Amino acid sequence: MTALDLADESLTGLLAWFSLIHIPDDEVRTVLAEFHRVLRPGGALLLAIKAGDSVHHKTEGYGGHPMNLHVHRRRPAAVVARLTEAGFTAEAELLHHPEPDTTGAFLFARR
């Protein structure tokens, strides 16, 4: 996501479904700038994130498979601020609670 093999303004929409959760904080701006680069003016971006203020290290995935990655929970307002910095206009934010004590967010923005 930091260097998409796509032409500038080549997409009308982009879906990043719980993708940013594995991107370190210092790379989020790069990813959002890349999303902005490949979207056409007016193009839609839909993000799903895990909401919160924490980083969790996962060593086991579904089915007990070993893994080594970090899950970043971010405040939706902080992601909206980064979207704005990247040149997007945030149009909608929806929080959801798929499990007790778990919050996610869907963020819709346009280039």
C-alpha atoms as a PDB file:
ATOM      1  CA  MET A   1       0.000   0.000   0.000  1.00  0.00           C
ATOM      2  CA  THR A   2       3.004   2.297   0.275  1.00  0.00           C
ATOM      3  CA  ALA A   3       3.851   1.967  -3.436  1.00  0.00           C
ATOM      4  CA  LEU A   4       0.838   0.839  -5.466  1.00  0.00           C
ATOM      5  CA  ASP A   5       1.592  -0.409  -8.968  1.00  0.00           C
ATOM      6  CA  LEU A   6      -1.175   1.742 -10.432  1.00  0.00           C
ATOM      7  CA  ALA A   7      -1.223   4.825 -12.612  1.00  0.00           C
ATOM      8  CA  ASP A   8      -2.080   8.226 -11.166  1.00  0.00           C
ATOM      9  CA  GLU A   9      -5.844   8.863 -11.001  1.00  0.00           C
ATOM     10  CA  SER A  10      -6.590   5.399 -12.384  1.00  0.00           C
ATOM     11  CA  LEU A  11      -9.242   4.307  -9.853  1.00  0.00           C
ATOM     12  CA  THR A  12     -12.768   5.554  -9.257  1.00  0.00           C
ATOM     13  CA  GLY A  13     -12.935   3.874  -5.852  1.00  0.00           C
ATOM     14  CA  LEU A  14     -10.745   2.151  -3.324  1.00  0.00           C
ATOM     15  CA  LEU A  15     -11.691  -0.187  -0.468  1.00  0.00           C
ATOM     16  CA  ALA A  16      -9.251  -0.728   2.405  1.00  0.00           C
ATOM     17  CA  TRP A  17     -11.104  -3.149   4.665  1.00  0.00           C
ATOM     18  CA  PHE A  18      -9.189  -3.464   7.936  1.00  0.00           C
ATOM     19  CA  SER A  19      -5.960  -3.001   5.955  1.00  0.00           C
ATOM     20  CA  LEU A  20      -4.556  -0.019   7.839  1.00  0.00           C
ATOM     21  CA  ILE A  21      -4.623  -2.011  11.079  1.00  0.00           C
ATOM     22  CA  HIS A  22      -1.299  -3.589  10.073  1.00  0.00           C
ATOM     23  CA  ILE A  23       0.388  -0.337   8.981  1.00  0.00           C
ATOM     24  CA  PRO A  24       2.680   1.313  11.558  1.00  0.00           C
ATOM     25  CA  ASP A  25       1.772   4.879  12.524  1.00  0.00           C
ATOM     26  CA  ASP A  26       4.807   6.330  10.742  1.00  0.00           C
ATOM     27  CA  GLU A  27       3.635   4.798   7.412  1.00  0.00           C
ATOM     28  CA  VAL A  28      -0.056   5.799   7.494  1.00  0.00           C
ATOM     29  CA  ARG A  29       0.591   9.172   5.830  1.00  0.00           C
ATOM     30  CA  THR A  30       2.481   7.433   3.019  1.00  0.00           C
ATOM     31  CA  VAL A  31      -0.368   4.963   2.462  1.00  0.00           C
ATOM     32  CA  LEU A  32      -3.035   7.681   2.418  1.00  0.00           C
ATOM     33  CA  ALA A  33      -0.947   9.783   0.024  1.00  0.00           C
ATOM     34  CA  GLU A  34      -0.685   6.749  -2.251  1.00  0.00           C
ATOM     35  CA  PHE A  35      -4.453   6.185  -2.065  1.00  0.00           C
ATOM     36  CA  HIS A  36      -4.936   9.857  -3.003  1.00  0.00           C
ATOM     37  CA  ARG A  37      -2.510   9.540  -5.917  1.00  0.00           C
ATOM     38  CA  VAL A  38      -4.301   6.590  -7.537  1.00  0.00           C
ATOM     39  CA  LEU A  39      -7.864   7.880  -7.051  1.00  0.00           C
ATOM     40  CA  ARG A  40      -9.469  10.131  -9.638  1.00  0.00           C
ATOM     41  CA  PRO A  41     -10.833  13.494  -8.497  1.00  0.00           C
ATOM     42  CA  GLY A  42     -14.101  12.750  -6.734  1.00  0.00           C
ATOM     43  CA  GLY A  43     -13.064   9.112  -6.271  1.00  0.00           C
ATOM     44  CA  ALA A  44     -14.380   7.285  -3.213  1.00  0.00           C
ATOM     45  CA  LEU A  45     -12.348   5.759  -0.400  1.00  0.00           C
ATOM     46  CA  LEU A  46     -13.930   3.435   2.134  1.00  0.00           C
ATOM     47  CA  LEU A  47     -11.825   2.449   5.140  1.00  0.00           C
ATOM     48  CA  ALA A  48     -12.647   0.022   7.932  1.00  0.00           C
ATOM     49  CA  ILE A  49     -10.516   0.290  11.055  1.00  0.00           C
ATOM     50  CA  LYS A  50     -10.368  -1.082  14.564  1.00  0.00           C
ATOM     51  CA  ALA A  51     -11.079   1.855  16.851  1.00  0.00           C
ATOM     52  CA  GLY A  52      -9.072   2.625  19.948  1.00  0.00           C
ATOM     53  CA  ASP A  53      -5.638   3.706  21.097  1.00  0.00           C
ATOM     54  CA  SER A  54      -3.526   0.569  21.273  1.00  0.00           C
ATOM     55  CA  VAL A  55      -1.197  -1.760  19.427  1.00  0.00           C
ATOM     56  CA  HIS A  56      -1.559  -5.495  19.942  1.00  0.00           C
ATOM     57  CA  HIS A  57       1.116  -8.010  18.892  1.00  0.00           C
ATOM     58  CA  LYS A  58      -0.446 -11.163  17.413  1.00  0.00           C
ATOM     59  CA  THR A  59       1.507 -14.395  17.349  1.00  0.00           C
ATOM     60  CA  GLU A  60      -1.377 -16.723  16.484  1.00  0.00           C
ATOM     61  CA  GLY A  61      -4.089 -16.381  13.873  1.00  0.00           C
ATOM     62  CA  TYR A  62      -7.342 -18.068  13.093  1.00  0.00           C
ATOM     63  CA  GLY A  63      -7.059 -21.830  13.378  1.00  0.00           C
ATOM     64  CA  GLY A  64      -3.941 -21.542  15.545  1.00  0.00           C
ATOM     65  CA  HIS A  65      -1.655 -20.619  12.658  1.00  0.00           C
ATOM     66  CA  PRO A  66       1.526 -18.833  13.761  1.00  0.00           C
ATOM     67  CA  MET A  67       1.914 -15.206  12.777  1.00  0.00           C
ATOM     68  CA  ASN A  68       3.968 -12.203  13.750  1.00  0.00           C
ATOM     69  CA  LEU A  69       2.193  -8.905  13.205  1.00  0.00           C
ATOM     70  CA  HIS A  70       0.850  -5.893  15.031  1.00  0.00           C
ATOM     71  CA  VAL A  71      -2.765  -4.746  15.086  1.00  0.00           C
ATOM     72  CA  HIS A  72      -3.103  -0.967  15.399  1.00  0.00           C
ATOM     73  CA  ARG A  73      -6.289   0.466  16.873  1.00  0.00           C
ATOM     74  CA  ARG A  74      -6.731   4.135  16.015  1.00  0.00           C
ATOM     75  CA  ARG A  75      -9.197   6.830  17.014  1.00  0.00           C
ATOM     76  CA  PRO A  76     -11.504   7.540  14.072  1.00  0.00           C
ATOM     77  CA  ALA A  77     -11.028  11.309  14.547  1.00  0.00           C
ATOM     78  CA  ALA A  78      -7.256  10.855  14.203  1.00  0.00           C
ATOM     79  CA  VAL A  79      -7.709   8.910  10.957  1.00  0.00           C
ATOM     80  CA  VAL A  80     -10.110  11.566   9.638  1.00  0.00           C
ATOM     81  CA  ALA A  81      -7.451  14.206  10.416  1.00  0.00           C
ATOM     82  CA  ARG A  82      -4.879  12.217   8.441  1.00  0.00           C
ATOM     83  CA  LEU A  83      -7.332  11.817   5.560  1.00  0.00           C
ATOM     84  CA  THR A  84      -7.807  15.585   5.502  1.00  0.00           C
ATOM     85  CA  GLU A  85      -4.026  16.137   5.552  1.00  0.00           C
ATOM     86  CA  ALA A  86      -3.758  13.783   2.549  1.00  0.00           C
ATOM     87  CA  GLY A  87      -6.275  15.853   0.566  1.00  0.00           C
ATOM     88  CA  PHE A  88      -9.445  13.839   1.173  1.00  0.00           C
ATOM     89  CA  THR A  89     -12.817  15.159   2.268  1.00  0.00           C
ATOM     90  CA  ALA A  90     -14.331  12.927   4.932  1.00  0.00           C
ATOM     91  CA  GLU A  91     -18.067  12.495   4.323  1.00  0.00           C
ATOM     92  CA  ALA A  92     -19.182   9.833   6.792  1.00  0.00           C
ATOM     93  CA  GLU A  93     -18.091   7.979   9.905  1.00  0.00           C
ATOM     94  CA  LEU A  94     -19.932   5.018  11.394  1.00  0.00           C
ATOM     95  CA  LEU A  95     -18.942   3.241  14.593  1.00  0.00           C
ATOM     96  CA  HIS A  96     -19.902  -0.376  15.102  1.00  0.00           C
ATOM     97  CA  HIS A  97     -19.589  -2.811  17.981  1.00  0.00           C
ATOM     98  CA  PRO A  98     -19.169  -6.321  16.548  1.00  0.00           C
ATOM     99  CA  GLU A  99     -18.377  -7.807  19.971  1.00  0.00           C
ATOM    100  CA  PRO A 100     -18.594  -6.594  23.551  1.00  0.00           C
ATOM    101  CA  ASP A 101     -15.677  -4.260  24.321  1.00  0.00           C
ATOM    102  CA  THR A 102     -14.781  -4.050  20.614  1.00  0.00           C
ATOM    103  CA  THR A 103     -15.324  -0.975  18.466  1.00  0.00           C
ATOM    104  CA  GLY A 104     -14.657  -0.542  14.800  1.00  0.00           C
ATOM    105  CA  ALA A 105     -15.267   2.313  12.412  1.00  0.00           C
ATOM    106  CA  PHE A 106     -16.136   2.731   8.766  1.00  0.00           C
ATOM    107  CA  LEU A 107     -14.855   5.970   7.228  1.00  0.00           C
ATOM    108  CA  PHE A 108     -15.983   7.249   3.833  1.00  0.00           C
ATOM    109  CA  ALA A 109     -14.029   9.992   2.063  1.00  0.00           C
ATOM    110  CA  ARG A 110     -13.613  11.474  -1.403  1.00  0.00           C
ATOM    111  CA  ARG A 111     -10.538  12.735  -3.197  1.00  0.00           C
END
